[in-house]
Amino acid sequence: MARTVLLVGSKTDTLELVGLLAREGITVIPVHEPREAFEEAQRVKPTAIAIIIPQYYVSVMFFIRDIRATPEFKNIPIYYMGELIEGGDLKTLKAMDVRVISIGPVPFSEVIRQMVDELR
């Protein structure tokens, strides 16, 4: 089965991840703004969504809410990678069935390995 990941984040943040995912045979569709990501998800029908935004943004929550409200994406795996995600933000993301991965001491290659293992 072909695996396609919609990768949401700035060009700088997604650059390394695009290469790592592509080496694993995953097609990556980069999108740089959460507000554009919903339309792109409807167009390409990804098998997973990865969001990498160093700091927590409210627009991401609206995007996740809209994705989860769309029947065809209700159960799509969503990964949120960021720094210092805790407290209410962490609870909200987990309540929306988002897999939260803290960026920091964990190298991107390990983050990608975890995602790829789950997508197999």
C-alpha atoms as a PDB file:
ATOM      1  CA  MET A   1       0.000   0.000   0.000  1.00  0.00           C
ATOM      2  CA  ALA A   2       1.374   3.410  -0.956  1.00  0.00           C
ATOM      3  CA  ARG A   3       1.953   5.651   2.016  1.00  0.00           C
ATOM      4  CA  THR A   4       1.544   9.393   1.722  1.00  0.00           C
ATOM      5  CA  VAL A   5       2.174  11.831   4.549  1.00  0.00           C
ATOM      6  CA  LEU A   6       0.880  15.382   4.515  1.00  0.00           C
ATOM      7  CA  LEU A   7       3.650  17.287   6.298  1.00  0.00           C
ATOM      8  CA  VAL A   8       2.559  20.618   7.772  1.00  0.00           C
ATOM      9  CA  GLY A   9       5.200  23.110   8.897  1.00  0.00           C
ATOM     10  CA  SER A  10       7.608  25.808   7.793  1.00  0.00           C
ATOM     11  CA  LYS A  11      10.041  25.121   4.957  1.00  0.00           C
ATOM     12  CA  THR A  12      12.918  25.133   7.417  1.00  0.00           C
ATOM     13  CA  ASP A  13      11.262  22.734   9.863  1.00  0.00           C
ATOM     14  CA  THR A  14      10.100  20.252   7.228  1.00  0.00           C
ATOM     15  CA  LEU A  15      13.240  20.120   5.072  1.00  0.00           C
ATOM     16  CA  GLU A  16      15.036  17.363   6.995  1.00  0.00           C
ATOM     17  CA  LEU A  17      11.859  15.369   7.587  1.00  0.00           C
ATOM     18  CA  VAL A  18      10.967  15.318   3.883  1.00  0.00           C
ATOM     19  CA  GLY A  19      14.268  13.590   3.084  1.00  0.00           C
ATOM     20  CA  LEU A  20      14.027  11.123   5.965  1.00  0.00           C
ATOM     21  CA  LEU A  21      10.470  10.092   5.075  1.00  0.00           C
ATOM     22  CA  ALA A  22      11.267   9.833   1.353  1.00  0.00           C
ATOM     23  CA  ARG A  23      14.163   7.448   2.133  1.00  0.00           C
ATOM     24  CA  GLU A  24      11.608   5.188   3.824  1.00  0.00           C
ATOM     25  CA  GLY A  25       9.558   5.051   0.629  1.00  0.00           C
ATOM     26  CA  ILE A  26       6.896   7.466   1.864  1.00  0.00           C
ATOM     27  CA  THR A  27       5.531  10.113  -0.471  1.00  0.00           C
ATOM     28  CA  VAL A  28       5.626  13.483   1.284  1.00  0.00           C
ATOM     29  CA  ILE A  29       3.331  16.386   0.467  1.00  0.00           C
ATOM     30  CA  PRO A  30       4.686  19.480   2.261  1.00  0.00           C
ATOM     31  CA  VAL A  31       2.278  22.254   3.227  1.00  0.00           C
ATOM     32  CA  HIS A  32       3.511  25.311   5.040  1.00  0.00           C
ATOM     33  CA  GLU A  33       0.337  26.739   6.560  1.00  0.00           C
ATOM     34  CA  PRO A  34      -2.285  24.895   8.631  1.00  0.00           C
ATOM     35  CA  ARG A  35      -5.077  26.795   6.878  1.00  0.00           C
ATOM     36  CA  GLU A  36      -3.917  25.377   3.506  1.00  0.00           C
ATOM     37  CA  ALA A  37      -3.448  21.873   4.884  1.00  0.00           C
ATOM     38  CA  PHE A  38      -7.140  21.027   5.081  1.00  0.00           C
ATOM     39  CA  GLU A  39      -7.731  21.651   1.367  1.00  0.00           C
ATOM     40  CA  GLU A  40      -4.572  19.730   0.483  1.00  0.00           C
ATOM     41  CA  ALA A  41      -5.645  16.784   2.665  1.00  0.00           C
ATOM     42  CA  GLN A  42      -8.973  16.634   0.845  1.00  0.00           C
ATOM     43  CA  ARG A  43      -7.177  16.729  -2.491  1.00  0.00           C
ATOM     44  CA  VAL A  44      -4.433  14.114  -1.885  1.00  0.00           C
ATOM     45  CA  LYS A  45      -6.121  11.825   0.702  1.00  0.00           C
ATOM     46  CA  PRO A  46      -2.939  11.106   2.732  1.00  0.00           C
ATOM     47  CA  THR A  47      -2.498   7.994   4.858  1.00  0.00           C
ATOM     48  CA  ALA A  48      -1.153  10.134   7.723  1.00  0.00           C
ATOM     49  CA  ILE A  49      -0.610  13.751   8.708  1.00  0.00           C
ATOM     50  CA  ALA A  50       2.509  15.042  10.444  1.00  0.00           C
ATOM     51  CA  ILE A  51       2.611  18.537  11.898  1.00  0.00           C
ATOM     52  CA  ILE A  52       5.925  20.060  12.881  1.00  0.00           C
ATOM     53  CA  ILE A  53       5.662  23.515  14.324  1.00  0.00           C
ATOM     54  CA  PRO A  54       8.213  24.400  16.997  1.00  0.00           C
ATOM     55  CA  GLN A  55       5.717  26.290  19.089  1.00  0.00           C
ATOM     56  CA  TYR A  56       2.068  25.537  19.657  1.00  0.00           C
ATOM     57  CA  TYR A  57      -0.273  27.554  17.440  1.00  0.00           C
ATOM     58  CA  VAL A  58      -4.043  27.884  17.732  1.00  0.00           C
ATOM     59  CA  SER A  59      -4.428  27.553  13.944  1.00  0.00           C
ATOM     60  CA  VAL A  60      -3.131  23.997  14.242  1.00  0.00           C
ATOM     61  CA  MET A  61      -5.993  23.151  16.595  1.00  0.00           C
ATOM     62  CA  PHE A  62      -8.547  24.463  14.099  1.00  0.00           C
ATOM     63  CA  PHE A  63      -6.934  22.358  11.369  1.00  0.00           C
ATOM     64  CA  ILE A  64      -7.006  19.226  13.545  1.00  0.00           C
ATOM     65  CA  ARG A  65     -10.610  19.910  14.567  1.00  0.00           C
ATOM     66  CA  ASP A  66     -11.640  20.278  10.900  1.00  0.00           C
ATOM     67  CA  ILE A  67      -9.782  17.101   9.886  1.00  0.00           C
ATOM     68  CA  ARG A  68     -11.355  15.065  12.696  1.00  0.00           C
ATOM     69  CA  ALA A  69     -14.820  16.394  11.770  1.00  0.00           C
ATOM     70  CA  THR A  70     -14.418  15.076   8.206  1.00  0.00           C
ATOM     71  CA  PRO A  71     -15.653  11.463   8.069  1.00  0.00           C
ATOM     72  CA  GLU A  72     -12.936  10.249   5.682  1.00  0.00           C
ATOM     73  CA  PHE A  73     -10.216  11.578   8.037  1.00  0.00           C
ATOM     74  CA  LYS A  74     -11.799  10.750  11.380  1.00  0.00           C
ATOM     75  CA  ASN A  75      -9.280   7.959  12.067  1.00  0.00           C
ATOM     76  CA  ILE A  76      -6.254   9.139  10.086  1.00  0.00           C
ATOM     77  CA  PRO A  77      -3.046   9.043  12.136  1.00  0.00           C
ATOM     78  CA  ILE A  78      -1.945  12.563  13.082  1.00  0.00           C
ATOM     79  CA  TYR A  79       1.476  13.241  14.569  1.00  0.00           C
ATOM     80  CA  TYR A  80       2.230  16.573  16.227  1.00  0.00           C
ATOM     81  CA  MET A  81       5.905  17.314  16.735  1.00  0.00           C
ATOM     82  CA  GLY A  82       6.868  20.341  18.758  1.00  0.00           C
ATOM     83  CA  GLU A  83       8.709  21.693  21.756  1.00  0.00           C
ATOM     84  CA  LEU A  84       7.362  21.961  25.278  1.00  0.00           C
ATOM     85  CA  ILE A  85       3.899  20.581  24.622  1.00  0.00           C
ATOM     86  CA  GLU A  86       2.401  20.109  28.050  1.00  0.00           C
ATOM     87  CA  GLY A  87      -0.543  20.834  30.314  1.00  0.00           C
ATOM     88  CA  GLY A  88      -3.822  21.761  28.675  1.00  0.00           C
ATOM     89  CA  ASP A  89      -2.360  21.726  25.166  1.00  0.00           C
ATOM     90  CA  LEU A  90      -1.151  18.155  25.590  1.00  0.00           C
ATOM     91  CA  LYS A  91      -4.503  17.039  26.992  1.00  0.00           C
ATOM     92  CA  THR A  92      -6.375  18.705  24.131  1.00  0.00           C
ATOM     93  CA  LEU A  93      -4.187  17.073  21.477  1.00  0.00           C
ATOM     94  CA  LYS A  94      -4.470  13.645  23.077  1.00  0.00           C
ATOM     95  CA  ALA A  95      -8.260  14.050  23.370  1.00  0.00           C
ATOM     96  CA  MET A  96      -8.284  14.607  19.593  1.00  0.00           C
ATOM     97  CA  ASP A  97      -6.329  11.341  19.139  1.00  0.00           C
ATOM     98  CA  VAL A  98      -3.140  13.100  18.053  1.00  0.00           C
ATOM     99  CA  ARG A  99       0.165  11.360  18.675  1.00  0.00           C
ATOM    100  CA  VAL A 100       2.412  13.926  20.356  1.00  0.00           C
ATOM    101  CA  ILE A 101       6.162  13.705  19.848  1.00  0.00           C
ATOM    102  CA  SER A 102       8.374  16.137  21.737  1.00  0.00           C
ATOM    103  CA  ILE A 103      11.269  17.527  19.758  1.00  0.00           C
ATOM    104  CA  GLY A 104      14.462  18.126  21.589  1.00  0.00           C
ATOM    105  CA  PRO A 105      16.805  15.432  22.712  1.00  0.00           C
ATOM    106  CA  VAL A 106      15.231  12.933  20.295  1.00  0.00           C
ATOM    107  CA  PRO A 107      16.842  13.126  16.820  1.00  0.00           C
ATOM    108  CA  PHE A 108      14.533  13.470  13.820  1.00  0.00           C
ATOM    109  CA  SER A 109      15.687  10.076  12.547  1.00  0.00           C
ATOM    110  CA  GLU A 110      14.183   8.434  15.665  1.00  0.00           C
ATOM    111  CA  VAL A 111      10.961  10.404  15.289  1.00  0.00           C
ATOM    112  CA  ILE A 112      10.682   9.234  11.687  1.00  0.00           C
ATOM    113  CA  ARG A 113      11.478   5.633  12.647  1.00  0.00           C
ATOM    114  CA  GLN A 114       8.573   5.686  15.113  1.00  0.00           C
ATOM    115  CA  MET A 115       6.192   7.118  12.516  1.00  0.00           C
ATOM    116  CA  VAL A 116       7.295   4.650   9.822  1.00  0.00           C
ATOM    117  CA  ASP A 117       6.903   1.688  12.187  1.00  0.00           C
ATOM    118  CA  GLU A 118       3.344   2.778  12.988  1.00  0.00           C
ATOM    119  CA  LEU A 119       2.470   3.313   9.319  1.00  0.00           C
ATOM    120  CA  ARG A 120       3.562  -0.210   8.286  1.00  0.00           C
END
